Amino acid sequence: MNPALSPADVRLERRIRAASRDRSLTTQEREALERIRPPREFPLTAEVRPYNGSIAMLPVAQLYARDVPDLHAPEGADLLQVLWCPFDHPIMPRTVLFWRSAATVSHILATPPEPPAVQFDGYLPEPCLLNPEQVTEYPDHLEVSKVLQEQLATWSMWQAAGTDLDNGYASFPQEFYDSELAGAPGWKVGGWPRWGATDPAPRLCPACGSDMDALLTIATFEYSSGSSWRPDEAGEDRELISGHIPAPTRIGFPATNPAPRQPTAVQIGSGYDQQLYLCPTDPQHPHFELMH
């Protein structure tokens, strides 16, 4: 069972780990880490006490329509605030969406309320300034027709198209498509989902049954080490092929963060994404959450 930690202890642990990345722990740092995560004895006999108070939700994202072209806000709103509960429900945090008009926000809390504990340290986001960038991406191969799937898996088709591919993809050309062209990784608004944990499934509005649109991807990692996808600020911005699929907006983060692949410190499951879907008929309908 994972011990719940206070937000203050999670932040202290992160600071110690970052500061000691290239050196040994000091005695004070080692004692602090042992206090935060004391050695565990098995079998576990500690009593789990229920918490009867209210739990403050944690801010996850604040997006302005002026910065994110793909943020289709309801009429009268130009600001989206996403919060979540720092506990599993049951396999990921439960999110709440607040659509607001920025002009009506007059009282801003200098210090937002925080929960007494978080179930996993990956549920406590690190503050980041966003640097949105629009990219072109394509649907996962599982979401295209069988005919197109066969073409994507045929090396000679890529060669005939004049695509400059590494010969290492000759045995797995479909892997090139999924890794380099389909479903941009990282935090993004709109776009195509990246499948892996599950196969594509219908995303239907629980209120009216409409096909829901992708709203926000909350990603564990901004990019993988073996892919050419990189945020602009990572110094690896590469132009992808043009197409007719509406370009999503990737939410890049400052490269000054000590962990550029995981600047928010968020972790969903063992490294997955949490995607939020919105009803196109009425944004006030309940949104849909999916981990993949």
C-alpha atoms as a PDB file:
ATOM      1  CA  MET A   1       0.000   0.000   0.000  1.00  0.00           C
ATOM      2  CA  ASN A   2       1.406   3.384  -0.963  1.00  0.00           C
ATOM      3  CA  PRO A   3       1.715   5.764   2.027  1.00  0.00           C
ATOM      4  CA  ALA A   4      -0.104   9.059   1.608  1.00  0.00           C
ATOM      5  CA  LEU A   5       2.253  12.026   1.976  1.00  0.00           C
ATOM      6  CA  SER A   6       1.656  15.690   2.696  1.00  0.00           C
ATOM      7  CA  PRO A   7       2.241  18.079  -0.223  1.00  0.00           C
ATOM      8  CA  ALA A   8       5.040  19.715   1.793  1.00  0.00           C
ATOM      9  CA  ASP A   9       6.851  16.395   2.198  1.00  0.00           C
ATOM     10  CA  VAL A  10       6.456  15.539  -1.488  1.00  0.00           C
ATOM     11  CA  ARG A  11       8.016  18.881  -2.454  1.00  0.00           C
ATOM     12  CA  LEU A  12      10.842  18.462   0.067  1.00  0.00           C
ATOM     13  CA  GLU A  13      11.605  14.987  -1.271  1.00  0.00           C
ATOM     14  CA  ARG A  14      11.704  16.337  -4.836  1.00  0.00           C
ATOM     15  CA  ARG A  15      14.071  19.153  -3.856  1.00  0.00           C
ATOM     16  CA  ILE A  16      16.423  16.729  -2.130  1.00  0.00           C
ATOM     17  CA  ARG A  17      16.412  14.294  -5.065  1.00  0.00           C
ATOM     18  CA  ALA A  18      17.082  17.105  -7.544  1.00  0.00           C
ATOM     19  CA  ALA A  19      19.857  18.654  -5.458  1.00  0.00           C
ATOM     20  CA  SER A  20      21.612  15.331  -4.883  1.00  0.00           C
ATOM     21  CA  ARG A  21      21.347  14.063  -8.455  1.00  0.00           C
ATOM     22  CA  ASP A  22      25.116  14.353  -8.999  1.00  0.00           C
ATOM     23  CA  ARG A  23      26.337  13.861  -5.442  1.00  0.00           C
ATOM     24  CA  SER A  24      25.803  11.802  -2.311  1.00  0.00           C
ATOM     25  CA  LEU A  25      23.064  12.619   0.170  1.00  0.00           C
ATOM     26  CA  THR A  26      24.025  14.655   3.194  1.00  0.00           C
ATOM     27  CA  THR A  27      23.215  13.327   6.652  1.00  0.00           C
ATOM     28  CA  GLN A  28      20.421  15.875   6.997  1.00  0.00           C
ATOM     29  CA  GLU A  29      18.956  14.932   3.613  1.00  0.00           C
ATOM     30  CA  ARG A  30      19.101  11.213   4.388  1.00  0.00           C
ATOM     31  CA  GLU A  31      17.320  11.765   7.707  1.00  0.00           C
ATOM     32  CA  ALA A  32      14.635  13.837   5.992  1.00  0.00           C
ATOM     33  CA  LEU A  33      14.010  11.118   3.379  1.00  0.00           C
ATOM     34  CA  GLU A  34      13.833   8.422   6.072  1.00  0.00           C
ATOM     35  CA  ARG A  35      11.301  10.533   7.964  1.00  0.00           C
ATOM     36  CA  ILE A  36       9.202  11.037   4.841  1.00  0.00           C
ATOM     37  CA  ARG A  37       9.351   7.358   3.851  1.00  0.00           C
ATOM     38  CA  PRO A  38      10.341   5.339   6.921  1.00  0.00           C
ATOM     39  CA  PRO A  39      11.415   1.706   6.445  1.00  0.00           C
ATOM     40  CA  ARG A  40       8.389  -0.550   6.171  1.00  0.00           C
ATOM     41  CA  GLU A  41       7.961  -3.766   8.099  1.00  0.00           C
ATOM     42  CA  PHE A  42       6.124  -6.774   6.714  1.00  0.00           C
ATOM     43  CA  PRO A  43       3.503  -7.951   7.217  1.00  0.00           C
ATOM     44  CA  LEU A  44       1.888  -4.533   7.347  1.00  0.00           C
ATOM     45  CA  THR A  45      -0.064  -4.139  10.562  1.00  0.00           C
ATOM     46  CA  ALA A  46      -0.584  -0.382  10.723  1.00  0.00           C
ATOM     47  CA  GLU A  47      -4.197   0.677  11.073  1.00  0.00           C
ATOM     48  CA  VAL A  48      -5.619   2.699   8.201  1.00  0.00           C
ATOM     49  CA  ARG A  49      -7.653   5.510   9.688  1.00  0.00           C
ATOM     50  CA  PRO A  50     -10.410   7.125   7.634  1.00  0.00           C
ATOM     51  CA  TYR A  51     -10.241  10.868   7.031  1.00  0.00           C
ATOM     52  CA  ASN A  52     -13.527  12.588   7.746  1.00  0.00           C
ATOM     53  CA  GLY A  53     -12.734  16.143   6.667  1.00  0.00           C
ATOM     54  CA  SER A  54     -13.098  17.742   3.267  1.00  0.00           C
ATOM     55  CA  ILE A  55     -10.298  17.279   0.718  1.00  0.00           C
ATOM     56  CA  ALA A  56      -9.160  20.293  -1.266  1.00  0.00           C
ATOM     57  CA  MET A  57      -8.655  19.597  -4.952  1.00  0.00           C
ATOM     58  CA  LEU A  58      -5.362  20.369  -6.669  1.00  0.00           C
ATOM     59  CA  PRO A  59      -4.985  22.738  -9.659  1.00  0.00           C
ATOM     60  CA  VAL A  60      -3.814  20.840 -12.741  1.00  0.00           C
ATOM     61  CA  ALA A  61      -4.120  23.270 -15.653  1.00  0.00           C
ATOM     62  CA  GLN A  62      -5.294  26.819 -16.374  1.00  0.00           C
ATOM     63  CA  LEU A  63      -5.785  27.543 -20.066  1.00  0.00           C
ATOM     64  CA  TYR A  64      -6.840  30.759 -21.784  1.00  0.00           C
ATOM     65  CA  ALA A  65      -8.603  30.676 -25.145  1.00  0.00           C
ATOM     66  CA  ARG A  66      -6.319  33.484 -26.364  1.00  0.00           C
ATOM     67  CA  ASP A  67      -3.296  31.199 -25.952  1.00  0.00           C
ATOM     68  CA  VAL A  68      -4.799  27.892 -27.097  1.00  0.00           C
ATOM     69  CA  PRO A  69      -6.666  28.016 -30.454  1.00  0.00           C
ATOM     70  CA  ASP A  70      -8.011  24.478 -29.985  1.00  0.00           C
ATOM     71  CA  LEU A  71      -9.730  25.332 -26.712  1.00  0.00           C
ATOM     72  CA  HIS A  72     -13.362  25.533 -27.822  1.00  0.00           C
ATOM     73  CA  ALA A  73     -14.810  27.268 -24.795  1.00  0.00           C
ATOM     74  CA  PRO A  74     -18.579  27.575 -24.298  1.00  0.00           C
ATOM     75  CA  GLU A  75     -20.189  30.931 -25.027  1.00  0.00           C
ATOM     76  CA  GLY A  76     -19.198  33.592 -22.521  1.00  0.00           C
ATOM     77  CA  ALA A  77     -16.124  31.699 -21.290  1.00  0.00           C
ATOM     78  CA  ASP A  78     -12.485  32.157 -22.231  1.00  0.00           C
ATOM     79  CA  LEU A  79     -10.763  30.357 -19.381  1.00  0.00           C
ATOM     80  CA  LEU A  80     -10.617  26.681 -18.456  1.00  0.00           C
ATOM     81  CA  GLN A  81      -9.474  25.567 -15.011  1.00  0.00           C
ATOM     82  CA  VAL A  82      -8.869  21.859 -14.409  1.00  0.00           C
ATOM     83  CA  LEU A  83      -8.635  20.503 -10.869  1.00  0.00           C
ATOM     84  CA  TRP A  84      -8.377  16.958  -9.573  1.00  0.00           C
ATOM     85  CA  CYS A  85      -8.679  14.940  -6.402  1.00  0.00           C
ATOM     86  CA  PRO A  86      -5.249  13.666  -5.242  1.00  0.00           C
ATOM     87  CA  PHE A  87      -6.580  10.123  -4.756  1.00  0.00           C
ATOM     88  CA  ASP A  88      -7.449   7.289  -7.135  1.00  0.00           C
ATOM     89  CA  HIS A  89     -11.029   7.020  -8.475  1.00  0.00           C
ATOM     90  CA  PRO A  90     -10.260   4.132  -8.950  1.00  0.00           C
ATOM     91  CA  ILE A  91      -7.137   4.128 -11.171  1.00  0.00           C
ATOM     92  CA  MET A  92      -6.547   7.845 -11.759  1.00  0.00           C
ATOM     93  CA  PRO A  93      -7.508  11.184 -10.207  1.00  0.00           C
ATOM     94  CA  ARG A  94     -11.048  12.423 -10.754  1.00  0.00           C
ATOM     95  CA  THR A  95     -11.101  15.775 -12.521  1.00  0.00           C
ATOM     96  CA  VAL A  96     -13.416  18.782 -12.325  1.00  0.00           C
ATOM     97  CA  LEU A  97     -13.708  21.411 -15.077  1.00  0.00           C
ATOM     98  CA  PHE A  98     -14.484  25.073 -14.469  1.00  0.00           C
ATOM     99  CA  TRP A  99     -15.255  27.280 -17.499  1.00  0.00           C
ATOM    100  CA  ARG A 100     -14.998  30.939 -16.580  1.00  0.00           C
ATOM    101  CA  SER A 101     -14.741  34.427 -18.014  1.00  0.00           C
ATOM    102  CA  ALA A 102     -11.317  35.815 -17.135  1.00  0.00           C
ATOM    103  CA  ALA A 103     -12.768  39.325 -16.892  1.00  0.00           C
ATOM    104  CA  THR A 104     -14.976  38.289 -13.968  1.00  0.00           C
ATOM    105  CA  VAL A 105     -12.127  36.826 -11.890  1.00  0.00           C
ATOM    106  CA  SER A 106     -11.425  39.576  -9.377  1.00  0.00           C
ATOM    107  CA  HIS A 107     -10.222  37.794  -6.249  1.00  0.00           C
ATOM    108  CA  ILE A 108      -7.164  35.575  -6.720  1.00  0.00           C
ATOM    109  CA  LEU A 109      -5.878  33.471  -3.839  1.00  0.00           C
ATOM    110  CA  ALA A 110      -2.162  33.950  -3.245  1.00  0.00           C
ATOM    111  CA  THR A 111      -2.010  30.492  -1.666  1.00  0.00           C
ATOM    112  CA  PRO A 112      -4.666  28.025  -2.869  1.00  0.00           C
ATOM    113  CA  PRO A 113      -5.913  25.503  -0.309  1.00  0.00           C
ATOM    114  CA  GLU A 114      -4.201  22.111  -0.387  1.00  0.00           C
ATOM    115  CA  PRO A 115      -5.272  18.630   0.728  1.00  0.00           C
ATOM    116  CA  PRO A 116      -3.709  17.184   3.893  1.00  0.00           C
ATOM    117  CA  ALA A 117      -2.184  14.374   1.829  1.00  0.00           C
ATOM    118  CA  VAL A 118      -1.829  13.000  -1.691  1.00  0.00           C
ATOM    119  CA  GLN A 119      -2.094   9.307  -2.459  1.00  0.00           C
ATOM    120  CA  PHE A 120       0.810   9.330  -4.933  1.00  0.00           C
ATOM    121  CA  ASP A 121       3.513  11.961  -5.300  1.00  0.00           C
ATOM    122  CA  GLY A 122       2.786  11.934  -9.054  1.00  0.00           C
ATOM    123  CA  TYR A 123      -0.618  13.447  -8.289  1.00  0.00           C
ATOM    124  CA  LEU A 124       0.964  16.690  -7.052  1.00  0.00           C
ATOM    125  CA  PRO A 125       1.768  18.825 -10.147  1.00  0.00           C
ATOM    126  CA  GLU A 126       4.782  21.109 -10.189  1.00  0.00           C
ATOM    127  CA  PRO A 127       3.957  24.701 -11.219  1.00  0.00           C
ATOM    128  CA  CYS A 128       4.943  25.356 -14.842  1.00  0.00           C
ATOM    129  CA  LEU A 129       4.541  28.181 -17.334  1.00  0.00           C
ATOM    130  CA  LEU A 130       3.096  26.963 -20.614  1.00  0.00           C
ATOM    131  CA  ASN A 131       4.467  27.544 -24.102  1.00  0.00           C
ATOM    132  CA  PRO A 132       1.703  26.280 -26.458  1.00  0.00           C
ATOM    133  CA  GLU A 133       2.679  25.209 -29.978  1.00  0.00           C
ATOM    134  CA  GLN A 134       0.498  23.822 -32.759  1.00  0.00           C
ATOM    135  CA  VAL A 135       1.588  20.606 -34.468  1.00  0.00           C
ATOM    136  CA  THR A 136       0.257  18.296 -37.169  1.00  0.00           C
ATOM    137  CA  GLU A 137      -0.518  14.738 -36.131  1.00  0.00           C
ATOM    138  CA  TYR A 138      -2.499  11.762 -37.432  1.00  0.00           C
ATOM    139  CA  PRO A 139      -4.764   9.134 -35.832  1.00  0.00           C
ATOM    140  CA  ASP A 140      -3.356   5.972 -34.335  1.00  0.00           C
ATOM    141  CA  HIS A 141      -3.150   3.109 -36.845  1.00  0.00           C
ATOM    142  CA  LEU A 142      -5.925   1.361 -34.893  1.00  0.00           C
ATOM    143  CA  GLU A 143      -8.322   4.189 -35.813  1.00  0.00           C
ATOM    144  CA  VAL A 144      -7.824   4.081 -39.592  1.00  0.00           C
ATOM    145  CA  SER A 145      -9.337   1.671 -42.127  1.00  0.00           C
ATOM    146  CA  LYS A 146      -7.997  -1.850 -42.615  1.00  0.00           C
ATOM    147  CA  VAL A 147      -6.820  -0.890 -46.115  1.00  0.00           C
ATOM    148  CA  LEU A 148      -4.790   2.004 -44.774  1.00  0.00           C
ATOM    149  CA  GLN A 149      -3.425  -0.155 -41.960  1.00  0.00           C
ATOM    150  CA  GLU A 150      -2.080  -2.585 -44.560  1.00  0.00           C
ATOM    151  CA  GLN A 151      -0.490   0.268 -46.508  1.00  0.00           C
ATOM    152  CA  LEU A 152       1.144   1.679 -43.387  1.00  0.00           C
ATOM    153  CA  ALA A 153       2.606  -1.749 -42.636  1.00  0.00           C
ATOM    154  CA  THR A 154       4.099  -2.141 -46.135  1.00  0.00           C
ATOM    155  CA  TRP A 155       7.685  -0.915 -46.465  1.00  0.00           C
ATOM    156  CA  SER A 156       7.486  -0.599 -50.239  1.00  0.00           C
ATOM    157  CA  MET A 157       4.606   1.882 -49.885  1.00  0.00           C
ATOM    158  CA  TRP A 158       6.786   4.192 -47.796  1.00  0.00           C
ATOM    159  CA  GLN A 159       9.638   3.822 -50.294  1.00  0.00           C
ATOM    160  CA  ALA A 160       7.327   4.602 -53.230  1.00  0.00           C
ATOM    161  CA  ALA A 161       6.166   7.723 -51.416  1.00  0.00           C
ATOM    162  CA  GLY A 162       9.757   8.925 -51.315  1.00  0.00           C
ATOM    163  CA  THR A 163       9.766   9.059 -47.523  1.00  0.00           C
ATOM    164  CA  ASP A 164      13.251   9.402 -46.077  1.00  0.00           C
ATOM    165  CA  LEU A 165      13.141   6.570 -43.554  1.00  0.00           C
ATOM    166  CA  ASP A 166      15.837   4.902 -41.521  1.00  0.00           C
ATOM    167  CA  ASN A 167      16.278   1.332 -42.801  1.00  0.00           C
ATOM    168  CA  GLY A 168      15.824   0.226 -39.225  1.00  0.00           C
ATOM    169  CA  TYR A 169      12.089   0.651 -39.807  1.00  0.00           C
ATOM    170  CA  ALA A 170      12.081  -1.736 -42.788  1.00  0.00           C
ATOM    171  CA  SER A 171      10.745  -4.633 -40.707  1.00  0.00           C
ATOM    172  CA  PHE A 172       8.313  -2.443 -38.749  1.00  0.00           C
ATOM    173  CA  PRO A 173       7.198   0.488 -40.952  1.00  0.00           C
ATOM    174  CA  GLN A 174       3.983   0.856 -38.983  1.00  0.00           C
ATOM    175  CA  GLU A 175       6.108   1.611 -35.927  1.00  0.00           C
ATOM    176  CA  PHE A 176       7.486   4.666 -37.735  1.00  0.00           C
ATOM    177  CA  TYR A 177       3.952   5.918 -38.326  1.00  0.00           C
ATOM    178  CA  ASP A 178       2.863   5.419 -34.711  1.00  0.00           C
ATOM    179  CA  SER A 179       6.070   6.849 -33.238  1.00  0.00           C
ATOM    180  CA  GLU A 180       6.680   9.815 -35.520  1.00  0.00           C
ATOM    181  CA  LEU A 181       3.379  10.845 -37.119  1.00  0.00           C
ATOM    182  CA  ALA A 182       0.414   9.590 -35.090  1.00  0.00           C
ATOM    183  CA  GLY A 183      -0.738  11.099 -31.827  1.00  0.00           C
ATOM    184  CA  ALA A 184       1.745  13.708 -30.623  1.00  0.00           C
ATOM    185  CA  PRO A 185       2.914  12.850 -27.097  1.00  0.00           C
ATOM    186  CA  GLY A 186       2.815  15.153 -24.116  1.00  0.00           C
ATOM    187  CA  TRP A 187       0.194  17.469 -22.675  1.00  0.00           C
ATOM    188  CA  LYS A 188      -2.062  18.771 -25.437  1.00  0.00           C
ATOM    189  CA  VAL A 189      -5.454  20.291 -26.161  1.00  0.00           C
ATOM    190  CA  GLY A 190      -7.532  18.469 -28.763  1.00  0.00           C
ATOM    191  CA  GLY A 191      -5.869  16.160 -31.267  1.00  0.00           C
ATOM    192  CA  TRP A 192      -5.808  12.378 -31.488  1.00  0.00           C
ATOM    193  CA  PRO A 193      -5.391  10.047 -28.504  1.00  0.00           C
ATOM    194  CA  ARG A 194      -2.386   7.762 -28.211  1.00  0.00           C
ATOM    195  CA  TRP A 195      -3.570   4.198 -27.657  1.00  0.00           C
ATOM    196  CA  GLY A 196      -1.567   1.479 -25.993  1.00  0.00           C
ATOM    197  CA  ALA A 197      -3.014   0.638 -22.599  1.00  0.00           C
ATOM    198  CA  THR A 198      -6.380   0.017 -24.293  1.00  0.00           C
ATOM    199  CA  ASP A 199      -7.735  -0.312 -27.817  1.00  0.00           C
ATOM    200  CA  PRO A 200      -9.820   2.547 -29.244  1.00  0.00           C
ATOM    201  CA  ALA A 201     -13.243   2.663 -27.646  1.00  0.00           C
ATOM    202  CA  PRO A 202     -16.337   4.822 -28.182  1.00  0.00           C
ATOM    203  CA  ARG A 203     -16.279   8.050 -26.186  1.00  0.00           C
ATOM    204  CA  LEU A 204     -19.967   8.863 -25.788  1.00  0.00           C
ATOM    205  CA  CYS A 205     -21.488  11.659 -23.756  1.00  0.00           C
ATOM    206  CA  PRO A 206     -23.154  10.119 -20.667  1.00  0.00           C
ATOM    207  CA  ALA A 207     -25.926  12.729 -20.889  1.00  0.00           C
ATOM    208  CA  CYS A 208     -26.918  12.723 -24.575  1.00  0.00           C
ATOM    209  CA  GLY A 209     -24.919   9.956 -26.277  1.00  0.00           C
ATOM    210  CA  SER A 210     -23.044  12.299 -28.668  1.00  0.00           C
ATOM    211  CA  ASP A 211     -19.542  11.391 -29.821  1.00  0.00           C
ATOM    212  CA  MET A 212     -17.266  13.334 -27.499  1.00  0.00           C
ATOM    213  CA  ASP A 213     -14.296  15.459 -28.586  1.00  0.00           C
ATOM    214  CA  ALA A 214     -10.827  15.255 -27.087  1.00  0.00           C
ATOM    215  CA  LEU A 215     -10.389  18.185 -24.712  1.00  0.00           C
ATOM    216  CA  LEU A 216      -7.129  17.741 -22.797  1.00  0.00           C
ATOM    217  CA  THR A 217      -4.401  15.120 -22.523  1.00  0.00           C
ATOM    218  CA  ILE A 218      -2.611  15.043 -19.172  1.00  0.00           C
ATOM    219  CA  ALA A 219       0.578  13.164 -19.952  1.00  0.00           C
ATOM    220  CA  THR A 220       3.214  11.567 -17.786  1.00  0.00           C
ATOM    221  CA  PHE A 221       5.967  12.326 -20.319  1.00  0.00           C
ATOM    222  CA  GLU A 222       6.383  15.107 -22.872  1.00  0.00           C
ATOM    223  CA  TYR A 223       8.244  12.846 -25.299  1.00  0.00           C
ATOM    224  CA  SER A 224      10.081   9.534 -25.496  1.00  0.00           C
ATOM    225  CA  SER A 225      13.830   9.267 -25.894  1.00  0.00           C
ATOM    226  CA  GLY A 226      13.564   7.386 -29.206  1.00  0.00           C
ATOM    227  CA  SER A 227      11.143   9.764 -30.950  1.00  0.00           C
ATOM    228  CA  SER A 228      11.704  12.942 -32.943  1.00  0.00           C
ATOM    229  CA  TRP A 229       8.792  14.649 -31.189  1.00  0.00           C
ATOM    230  CA  ARG A 230      10.237  17.462 -29.093  1.00  0.00           C
ATOM    231  CA  PRO A 231       8.763  20.678 -27.716  1.00  0.00           C
ATOM    232  CA  ASP A 232      10.132  23.870 -29.285  1.00  0.00           C
ATOM    233  CA  GLU A 233      11.903  24.814 -26.102  1.00  0.00           C
ATOM    234  CA  ALA A 234      13.771  21.492 -26.028  1.00  0.00           C
ATOM    235  CA  GLY A 235      15.738  22.653 -29.073  1.00  0.00           C
ATOM    236  CA  GLU A 236      14.527  19.780 -31.224  1.00  0.00           C
ATOM    237  CA  ASP A 237      11.603  21.368 -33.087  1.00  0.00           C
ATOM    238  CA  ARG A 238      11.120  19.422 -36.310  1.00  0.00           C
ATOM    239  CA  GLU A 239       8.515  20.070 -38.968  1.00  0.00           C
ATOM    240  CA  LEU A 240       6.252  17.096 -39.588  1.00  0.00           C
ATOM    241  CA  ILE A 241       4.368  16.302 -42.771  1.00  0.00           C
ATOM    242  CA  SER A 242       1.397  18.516 -43.603  1.00  0.00           C
ATOM    243  CA  GLY A 243      -2.103  17.125 -43.651  1.00  0.00           C
ATOM    244  CA  HIS A 244      -5.782  17.838 -43.300  1.00  0.00           C
ATOM    245  CA  ILE A 245      -6.228  16.719 -39.704  1.00  0.00           C
ATOM    246  CA  PRO A 246      -6.813  19.746 -37.430  1.00  0.00           C
ATOM    247  CA  ALA A 247      -3.577  20.417 -35.590  1.00  0.00           C
ATOM    248  CA  PRO A 248      -3.765  20.063 -31.815  1.00  0.00           C
ATOM    249  CA  THR A 249      -1.944  22.426 -29.514  1.00  0.00           C
ATOM    250  CA  ARG A 250       0.805  20.774 -27.522  1.00  0.00           C
ATOM    251  CA  ILE A 251       1.389  22.411 -24.170  1.00  0.00           C
ATOM    252  CA  GLY A 252       5.155  22.792 -24.062  1.00  0.00           C
ATOM    253  CA  PHE A 253       6.973  23.541 -20.808  1.00  0.00           C
ATOM    254  CA  PRO A 254      10.160  25.518 -20.084  1.00  0.00           C
ATOM    255  CA  ALA A 255      13.338  23.557 -20.784  1.00  0.00           C
ATOM    256  CA  THR A 256      14.928  24.992 -17.645  1.00  0.00           C
ATOM    257  CA  ASN A 257      13.070  22.367 -15.627  1.00  0.00           C
ATOM    258  CA  PRO A 258      15.536  19.746 -14.297  1.00  0.00           C
ATOM    259  CA  ALA A 259      13.359  16.970 -15.754  1.00  0.00           C
ATOM    260  CA  PRO A 260      12.476  18.111 -19.319  1.00  0.00           C
ATOM    261  CA  ARG A 261      10.622  14.875 -20.163  1.00  0.00           C
ATOM    262  CA  GLN A 262       8.478  15.210 -17.046  1.00  0.00           C
ATOM    263  CA  PRO A 263       8.410  18.904 -16.101  1.00  0.00           C
ATOM    264  CA  THR A 264       5.068  18.736 -14.299  1.00  0.00           C
ATOM    265  CA  ALA A 265       6.161  15.735 -12.153  1.00  0.00           C
ATOM    266  CA  VAL A 266       2.729  14.239 -12.897  1.00  0.00           C
ATOM    267  CA  GLN A 267       2.560  10.474 -13.319  1.00  0.00           C
ATOM    268  CA  ILE A 268      -0.568   8.626 -14.414  1.00  0.00           C
ATOM    269  CA  GLY A 269      -0.409   4.923 -13.551  1.00  0.00           C
ATOM    270  CA  SER A 270       2.963   3.499 -14.510  1.00  0.00           C
ATOM    271  CA  GLY A 271       3.546   6.173 -17.158  1.00  0.00           C
ATOM    272  CA  TYR A 272       0.263   6.548 -19.065  1.00  0.00           C
ATOM    273  CA  ASP A 273      -1.862   9.514 -20.152  1.00  0.00           C
ATOM    274  CA  GLN A 274      -5.176  10.704 -18.778  1.00  0.00           C
ATOM    275  CA  GLN A 275      -7.414  12.120 -21.488  1.00  0.00           C
ATOM    276  CA  LEU A 276     -10.481  14.264 -20.918  1.00  0.00           C
ATOM    277  CA  TYR A 277     -13.316  14.332 -23.450  1.00  0.00           C
ATOM    278  CA  LEU A 278     -16.018  16.966 -23.808  1.00  0.00           C
ATOM    279  CA  CYS A 279     -19.508  16.855 -25.288  1.00  0.00           C
ATOM    280  CA  PRO A 280     -19.642  19.003 -28.477  1.00  0.00           C
ATOM    281  CA  THR A 281     -23.384  19.492 -28.065  1.00  0.00           C
ATOM    282  CA  ASP A 282     -23.218  20.989 -24.574  1.00  0.00           C
ATOM    283  CA  PRO A 283     -19.918  21.581 -22.727  1.00  0.00           C
ATOM    284  CA  GLN A 284     -21.870  21.634 -19.477  1.00  0.00           C
ATOM    285  CA  HIS A 285     -22.635  17.933 -19.853  1.00  0.00           C
ATOM    286  CA  PRO A 286     -20.436  15.687 -17.691  1.00  0.00           C
ATOM    287  CA  HIS A 287     -17.023  15.168 -19.239  1.00  0.00           C
ATOM    288  CA  PHE A 288     -15.453  11.735 -19.758  1.00  0.00           C
ATOM    289  CA  GLU A 289     -12.088  10.486 -18.471  1.00  0.00           C
ATOM    290  CA  LEU A 290      -9.935   7.755 -19.942  1.00  0.00           C
ATOM    291  CA  MET A 291      -6.478   6.438 -19.088  1.00  0.00           C
ATOM    292  CA  HIS A 292      -4.388   5.081 -21.955  1.00  0.00           C
END
